[in-house]
Amino acid sequence: MVNAPLYPDSNGDTGVERGHGSTTSTPRWVYVFGLIAIHLVVLFVILHFAGGGLGSHTMS
């Protein structure tokens, strides 16, 4: 015998959809600020290792 649905009017619809990803995505401004921040960090590291940095840490 076939099991009867718990709710006869639902026609087997559970209300949960499968196979659909998130409908929202990361805004473009988040990527832009992220790229700017990464570039600034890389620039700081390059200048620091090259000896330039943000100035001398010793007093003259």
N, C-alpha and C. Protein backbone atom coordinates (compact mmCIF):
# COMPACT_ATOMS: atom_id res chain seq x y z
N MET A 1 0.84 -1.17 0.00
CA MET A 1 0.00 0.00 0.00
C MET A 1 0.89 1.24 0.00
N VAL A 2 0.50 2.25 -0.75
CA VAL A 2 1.26 3.49 -0.84
C VAL A 2 0.92 4.37 0.34
N ASN A 3 1.98 4.99 0.92
CA ASN A 3 1.74 5.89 2.06
C ASN A 3 0.97 7.11 1.60
N ALA A 4 -0.02 7.48 2.36
CA ALA A 4 -0.81 8.68 2.06
C ALA A 4 -0.05 9.91 2.52
N PRO A 5 -0.13 11.03 1.77
CA PRO A 5 0.55 12.24 2.22
C PRO A 5 -0.02 12.75 3.52
N LEU A 6 0.84 13.39 4.33
CA LEU A 6 0.39 13.92 5.61
C LEU A 6 -0.64 15.02 5.41
N TYR A 7 -0.46 15.82 4.39
CA TYR A 7 -1.37 16.91 4.09
C TYR A 7 -1.92 16.68 2.68
N PRO A 8 -3.12 16.23 2.54
CA PRO A 8 -3.64 15.85 1.22
C PRO A 8 -3.68 17.01 0.22
N ASP A 9 -3.79 18.24 0.67
CA ASP A 9 -3.89 19.38 -0.25
C ASP A 9 -2.53 19.86 -0.74
N SER A 10 -1.43 19.32 -0.23
CA SER A 10 -0.10 19.83 -0.58
C SER A 10 0.41 19.29 -1.91
N ASN A 11 -0.15 18.20 -2.41
CA ASN A 11 0.30 17.56 -3.66
C ASN A 11 1.78 17.22 -3.64
N GLY A 12 2.30 16.89 -2.48
CA GLY A 12 3.71 16.51 -2.35
C GLY A 12 4.67 17.67 -2.31
N ASP A 13 4.17 18.91 -2.30
CA ASP A 13 5.03 20.09 -2.25
C ASP A 13 5.40 20.37 -0.81
N THR A 14 6.72 20.33 -0.53
CA THR A 14 7.16 20.58 0.84
C THR A 14 7.44 22.04 1.08
N GLY A 15 7.49 22.86 0.03
CA GLY A 15 7.77 24.27 0.18
C GLY A 15 9.24 24.58 0.18
N VAL A 16 10.09 23.55 0.07
CA VAL A 16 11.54 23.74 0.07
C VAL A 16 12.03 23.48 -1.35
N GLU A 17 12.70 24.48 -1.94
CA GLU A 17 13.23 24.32 -3.28
C GLU A 17 14.66 23.82 -3.23
N ARG A 18 15.02 22.97 -4.19
CA ARG A 18 16.37 22.44 -4.24
C ARG A 18 17.07 22.95 -5.49
N GLY A 19 18.39 22.99 -5.42
CA GLY A 19 19.18 23.29 -6.59
C GLY A 19 19.32 24.77 -6.90
N HIS A 20 18.82 25.62 -6.08
CA HIS A 20 18.95 27.05 -6.31
C HIS A 20 19.96 27.62 -5.32
N GLY A 21 20.93 28.35 -5.84
CA GLY A 21 21.93 28.98 -4.98
C GLY A 21 21.37 30.24 -4.35
N SER A 22 22.24 30.95 -3.71
CA SER A 22 21.86 32.20 -3.08
C SER A 22 21.47 33.22 -4.15
N THR A 23 20.44 33.99 -3.87
CA THR A 23 19.98 34.98 -4.84
C THR A 23 20.72 36.30 -4.68
N THR A 24 21.49 36.44 -3.62
CA THR A 24 22.25 37.66 -3.41
C THR A 24 23.72 37.40 -3.69
N SER A 25 24.43 38.42 -4.12
CA SER A 25 25.86 38.30 -4.36
C SER A 25 26.56 39.47 -3.69
N THR A 26 27.87 39.38 -3.63
CA THR A 26 28.65 40.44 -2.99
C THR A 26 28.61 41.69 -3.86
N PRO A 27 28.31 42.83 -3.27
CA PRO A 27 28.26 44.07 -4.06
C PRO A 27 29.62 44.42 -4.64
N ARG A 28 29.61 45.15 -5.75
CA ARG A 28 30.85 45.51 -6.44
C ARG A 28 31.75 46.37 -5.58
N TRP A 29 31.17 47.25 -4.74
CA TRP A 29 32.00 48.14 -3.94
C TRP A 29 32.84 47.37 -2.93
N VAL A 30 32.36 46.21 -2.49
CA VAL A 30 33.14 45.40 -1.55
C VAL A 30 34.40 44.88 -2.23
N TYR A 31 34.26 44.43 -3.49
CA TYR A 31 35.43 43.98 -4.24
C TYR A 31 36.41 45.12 -4.48
N VAL A 32 35.88 46.31 -4.82
CA VAL A 32 36.75 47.45 -5.09
C VAL A 32 37.55 47.83 -3.85
N PHE A 33 36.89 47.96 -2.71
CA PHE A 33 37.61 48.30 -1.48
C PHE A 33 38.58 47.19 -1.07
N GLY A 34 38.21 45.96 -1.30
CA GLY A 34 39.11 44.85 -1.00
C GLY A 34 40.38 44.90 -1.84
N LEU A 35 40.21 45.17 -3.13
CA LEU A 35 41.38 45.27 -4.01
C LEU A 35 42.26 46.45 -3.63
N ILE A 36 41.65 47.58 -3.29
CA ILE A 36 42.44 48.74 -2.86
C ILE A 36 43.22 48.41 -1.59
N ALA A 37 42.57 47.76 -0.63
CA ALA A 37 43.24 47.41 0.62
C ALA A 37 44.41 46.45 0.37
N ILE A 38 44.21 45.47 -0.49
CA ILE A 38 45.28 44.51 -0.80
C ILE A 38 46.45 45.24 -1.47
N HIS A 39 46.16 46.14 -2.39
CA HIS A 39 47.23 46.89 -3.05
C HIS A 39 48.00 47.76 -2.06
N LEU A 40 47.30 48.39 -1.13
CA LEU A 40 47.99 49.21 -0.14
C LEU A 40 48.89 48.38 0.77
N VAL A 41 48.43 47.21 1.16
CA VAL A 41 49.24 46.34 2.01
C VAL A 41 50.48 45.87 1.25
N VAL A 42 50.32 45.47 0.00
CA VAL A 42 51.45 45.03 -0.81
C VAL A 42 52.44 46.17 -1.00
N LEU A 43 51.93 47.37 -1.28
CA LEU A 43 52.80 48.54 -1.44
C LEU A 43 53.59 48.82 -0.16
N PHE A 44 52.91 48.74 0.99
CA PHE A 44 53.58 48.97 2.27
C PHE A 44 54.69 47.94 2.50
N VAL A 45 54.40 46.68 2.21
CA VAL A 45 55.39 45.63 2.41
C VAL A 45 56.60 45.84 1.50
N ILE A 46 56.34 46.19 0.23
CA ILE A 46 57.45 46.42 -0.70
C ILE A 46 58.30 47.60 -0.24
N LEU A 47 57.66 48.70 0.15
CA LEU A 47 58.42 49.86 0.62
C LEU A 47 59.18 49.56 1.90
N HIS A 48 58.58 48.76 2.78
CA HIS A 48 59.23 48.42 4.04
C HIS A 48 60.50 47.59 3.78
N PHE A 49 60.41 46.61 2.90
CA PHE A 49 61.57 45.77 2.61
C PHE A 49 62.61 46.51 1.78
N ALA A 50 62.19 47.52 1.02
CA ALA A 50 63.13 48.29 0.20
C ALA A 50 63.86 49.34 1.03
N GLY A 51 63.42 49.55 2.28
CA GLY A 51 64.10 50.50 3.14
C GLY A 51 63.44 51.86 3.16
N GLY A 52 62.42 52.06 2.38
CA GLY A 52 61.73 53.35 2.35
C GLY A 52 60.77 53.47 3.52
N GLY A 53 59.78 52.65 3.53
CA GLY A 53 58.80 52.64 4.62
C GLY A 53 58.09 53.96 4.78
N LEU A 54 57.67 54.27 5.98
CA LEU A 54 56.99 55.51 6.27
C LEU A 54 57.90 56.51 6.96
N GLY A 55 59.18 56.28 6.86
CA GLY A 55 60.13 57.17 7.50
C GLY A 55 61.03 56.39 8.45
N SER A 56 61.95 57.07 8.99
CA SER A 56 62.90 56.45 9.89
C SER A 56 62.29 56.27 11.28
N HIS A 57 62.64 55.17 11.92
CA HIS A 57 62.14 54.91 13.28
C HIS A 57 63.11 55.42 14.34
N THR A 58 64.23 55.95 13.92
CA THR A 58 65.20 56.46 14.87
C THR A 58 65.20 57.98 14.84
N MET A 59 65.51 58.55 15.98
CA MET A 59 65.58 60.01 16.06
C MET A 59 66.99 60.44 15.69
N SER A 60 67.12 61.59 15.05
CA SER A 60 68.44 62.04 14.65
C SER A 60 69.07 62.94 15.70
